[in-house]
Amino acid sequence: MIEMTLPTMTCGHCVKTVTATVQQVDAAAKVQIDLPTHTLRIESALPAASFEAALAEEGYARS
């Protein structure tokens, strides 16, 4: 399980973008988002760095 905090994830549109980005990296990934705490959890066999790079490109850098 990969867990990260994305401080710039603040609305429903952000949730959709983050989810789509994660699934572009790994279509089989399971995504859980807690918007009030800006927490993203990803269940995937891929390394966290794969998701961090893709999310940073979309403007959602990890804190």
Protein backbone atom coordinates (compact mmCIF):
# COMPACT_ATOMS: atom_id res chain seq x y z
CA MET A 1 0.00 0.00 0.00
CA ILE A 2 1.34 3.40 -1.01
CA GLU A 3 0.14 6.35 1.03
CA MET A 4 0.86 9.99 0.30
CA THR A 5 -0.45 13.40 1.20
CA LEU A 6 -1.26 15.73 -1.69
CA PRO A 7 -1.89 19.22 -0.24
CA THR A 8 -3.10 20.63 -3.58
CA MET A 9 -5.87 18.01 -3.87
CA THR A 10 -8.78 20.12 -2.62
CA CYS A 11 -11.94 19.39 -4.62
CA GLY A 12 -13.93 16.83 -6.54
CA HIS A 13 -12.23 17.74 -9.81
CA CYS A 14 -8.87 17.05 -8.13
CA VAL A 15 -10.11 13.63 -7.01
CA LYS A 16 -11.10 12.75 -10.58
CA THR A 17 -7.76 13.93 -11.97
CA VAL A 18 -5.71 12.11 -9.32
CA THR A 19 -7.71 8.91 -9.80
CA ALA A 20 -7.34 9.07 -13.60
CA THR A 21 -3.60 9.74 -13.31
CA VAL A 22 -3.07 6.78 -10.99
CA GLN A 23 -5.04 4.52 -13.30
CA GLN A 24 -3.04 5.68 -16.33
CA VAL A 25 0.10 4.47 -14.54
CA ASP A 26 -1.52 1.19 -13.41
CA ALA A 27 -4.99 0.38 -14.69
CA ALA A 28 -5.37 -2.33 -12.03
CA ALA A 29 -4.48 -0.02 -9.12
CA LYS A 30 -7.02 0.44 -6.35
CA VAL A 31 -7.38 4.06 -5.28
CA GLN A 32 -8.71 5.42 -1.99
CA ILE A 33 -8.91 9.16 -1.41
CA ASP A 34 -9.71 11.04 1.78
CA LEU A 35 -10.25 14.58 0.55
CA PRO A 36 -10.51 16.32 3.97
CA THR A 37 -7.04 15.06 4.92
CA HIS A 38 -5.66 15.24 1.35
CA THR A 39 -4.62 11.58 1.67
CA LEU A 40 -4.20 9.23 -1.27
CA ARG A 41 -3.79 5.48 -0.86
CA ILE A 42 -2.84 3.29 -3.79
CA GLU A 43 -2.80 -0.48 -3.87
CA SER A 44 -0.42 -1.49 -6.66
CA ALA A 45 2.61 -3.64 -7.35
CA LEU A 46 4.38 -0.68 -8.97
CA PRO A 47 6.77 1.51 -6.97
CA ALA A 48 5.59 4.76 -5.40
CA ALA A 49 8.00 6.74 -7.58
CA SER A 50 5.99 5.81 -10.68
CA PHE A 51 2.89 7.44 -9.26
CA GLU A 52 4.72 10.39 -7.68
CA ALA A 53 6.22 11.42 -11.03
CA ALA A 54 2.89 11.21 -12.88
CA LEU A 55 1.03 13.08 -10.14
CA ALA A 56 3.70 15.81 -9.97
CA GLU A 57 3.29 16.36 -13.73
CA GLU A 58 -0.41 16.99 -13.10
CA GLY A 59 0.35 19.49 -10.32
CA TYR A 60 -0.17 17.18 -7.34
CA ALA A 61 3.25 17.01 -5.74
CA ARG A 62 3.62 14.93 -2.60
CA SER A 63 4.32 16.79 0.61
